[in-house]
C-alpha atoms as a PDB file:
ATOM      1  CA  MET A   1     -61.582  23.936  30.100  1.00  0.00           C
ATOM      2  CA  TYR A   2     -60.987  20.492  30.137  1.00  0.00           C
ATOM      3  CA  GLU A   3     -58.825  20.908  33.908  1.00  0.00           C
ATOM      4  CA  TYR A   4     -61.691  23.255  35.225  1.00  0.00           C
ATOM      5  CA  GLU A   5     -64.067  20.199  35.445  1.00  0.00           C
ATOM      6  CA  LEU A   6     -61.489  17.127  35.952  1.00  0.00           C
ATOM      7  CA  HIS A   7     -60.875  19.940  39.215  1.00  0.00           C
ATOM      8  CA  HIS A   8     -64.862  19.970  40.044  1.00  0.00           C
ATOM      9  CA  LEU A   9     -65.401  16.206  39.164  1.00  0.00           C
ATOM     10  CA  ARG A  10     -62.244  15.325  41.756  1.00  0.00           C
ATOM     11  CA  ALA A  11     -64.016  18.039  44.434  1.00  0.00           C
ATOM     12  CA  ALA A  12     -67.099  16.490  43.871  1.00  0.00           C
ATOM     13  CA  GLU A  13     -65.537  13.165  44.663  1.00  0.00           C
ATOM     14  CA  LEU A  14     -63.643  14.467  47.823  1.00  0.00           C
ATOM     15  CA  ILE A  15     -66.830  15.940  49.366  1.00  0.00           C
ATOM     16  CA  ARG A  16     -68.639  12.911  49.100  1.00  0.00           C
ATOM     17  CA  ARG A  17     -66.083  10.560  50.314  1.00  0.00           C
ATOM     18  CA  ALA A  18     -65.257  13.351  52.965  1.00  0.00           C
ATOM     19  CA  GLU A  19     -69.413  12.500  54.132  1.00  0.00           C
ATOM     20  CA  GLN A  20     -68.807   9.405  53.782  1.00  0.00           C
ATOM     21  CA  GLU A  21     -66.353   8.999  56.381  1.00  0.00           C
ATOM     22  CA  ARG A  22     -68.085  11.067  58.778  1.00  0.00           C
ATOM     23  CA  LEU A  23     -71.386   9.291  58.787  1.00  0.00           C
ATOM     24  CA  ALA A  24     -69.317   5.762  59.340  1.00  0.00           C
ATOM     25  CA  ARG A  25     -67.626   7.581  62.382  1.00  0.00           C
ATOM     26  CA  GLU A  26     -70.954   9.052  63.393  1.00  0.00           C
ATOM     27  CA  ALA A  27     -72.395   5.320  63.420  1.00  0.00           C
ATOM     28  CA  ALA A  28     -69.477   3.973  65.249  1.00  0.00           C
ATOM     29  CA  ARG A  29     -69.842   6.948  68.005  1.00  0.00           C
ATOM     30  CA  VAL A  30     -73.773   5.613  68.468  1.00  0.00           C
ATOM     31  CA  ARG A  31     -72.936   2.406  68.256  1.00  0.00           C
ATOM     32  CA  ARG A  32     -70.516   2.374  70.911  1.00  0.00           C
ATOM     33  CA  ALA A  33     -72.573   4.900  73.252  1.00  0.00           C
ATOM     34  CA  ALA A  34     -75.473   2.372  73.065  1.00  0.00           C
ATOM     35  CA  ARG A  35     -72.902  -0.421  73.533  1.00  0.00           C
ATOM     36  CA  ARG A  36     -71.825   1.278  76.939  1.00  0.00           C
ATOM     37  CA  GLU A  37     -75.164   2.515  77.605  1.00  0.00           C
ATOM     38  CA  ALA A  38     -76.183  -1.427  77.547  1.00  0.00           C
ATOM     39  CA  ALA A  39     -74.085  -2.385  79.831  1.00  0.00           C
ATOM     40  CA  GLU A  40     -74.447   0.107  82.445  1.00  0.00           C
ATOM     41  CA  ARG A  41     -78.226  -1.042  82.652  1.00  0.00           C
ATOM     42  CA  SER A  42     -77.470  -4.495  82.630  1.00  0.00           C
ATOM     43  CA  GLY A  43     -75.068  -3.957  85.338  1.00  0.00           C
ATOM     44  CA  GLU A  44     -72.203  -5.331  84.462  1.00  0.00           C
ATOM     45  CA  GLY A  45     -70.001  -3.064  86.108  1.00  0.00           C
ATOM     46  CA  VAL A  46     -67.114  -2.933  83.882  1.00  0.00           C
ATOM     47  CA  ARG A  47     -64.942   0.075  83.815  1.00  0.00           C
ATOM     48  CA  GLU A  48     -63.739   1.918  81.083  1.00  0.00           C
ATOM     49  CA  LYS A  49     -60.117   0.656  81.433  1.00  0.00           C
ATOM     50  CA  ASP A  50     -60.681  -3.186  81.563  1.00  0.00           C
ATOM     51  CA  ALA A  51     -63.381  -3.084  79.045  1.00  0.00           C
ATOM     52  CA  HIS A  52     -61.311  -5.173  76.220  1.00  0.00           C
ATOM     53  CA  SER A  53     -60.124  -7.672  77.907  1.00  0.00           C
ATOM     54  CA  SER A  54     -57.748  -8.015  80.943  1.00  0.00           C
ATOM     55  CA  ARG A  55     -54.194  -8.674  79.935  1.00  0.00           C
ATOM     56  CA  ARG A  56     -51.898  -6.500  80.728  1.00  0.00           C
ATOM     57  CA  ARG A  57     -51.346  -3.289  78.196  1.00  0.00           C
ATOM     58  CA  ARG A  58     -48.184  -3.561  76.398  1.00  0.00           C
ATOM     59  CA  HIS A  59     -46.236  -0.492  75.153  1.00  0.00           C
ATOM     60  CA  ARG A  60     -46.026   0.176  71.349  1.00  0.00           C
ATOM     61  CA  HIS A  61     -41.912   0.108  71.328  1.00  0.00           C
ATOM     62  CA  PRO A  62     -40.038  -1.915  72.829  1.00  0.00           C
ATOM     63  CA  HIS A  63     -37.349  -0.163  75.030  1.00  0.00           C
ATOM     64  CA  ALA A  64     -33.884  -0.016  73.338  1.00  0.00           C
ATOM     65  CA  ALA A  65     -30.708  -2.193  75.020  1.00  0.00           C
END
């Protein structure tokens, strides 16, 4: 019986953690959408590709010799 109760406590904790992570992702998504909308309204005209910096994008892994 003790293991059964531990299983339910662990399952409930995992469900709570998953819900918190979903809420955090949704909040981040809403913030990004609000920033995009504000940028469009202000007329910055920044393309999606150039949004973060003007540097060229580096490849994740260097080429083998």
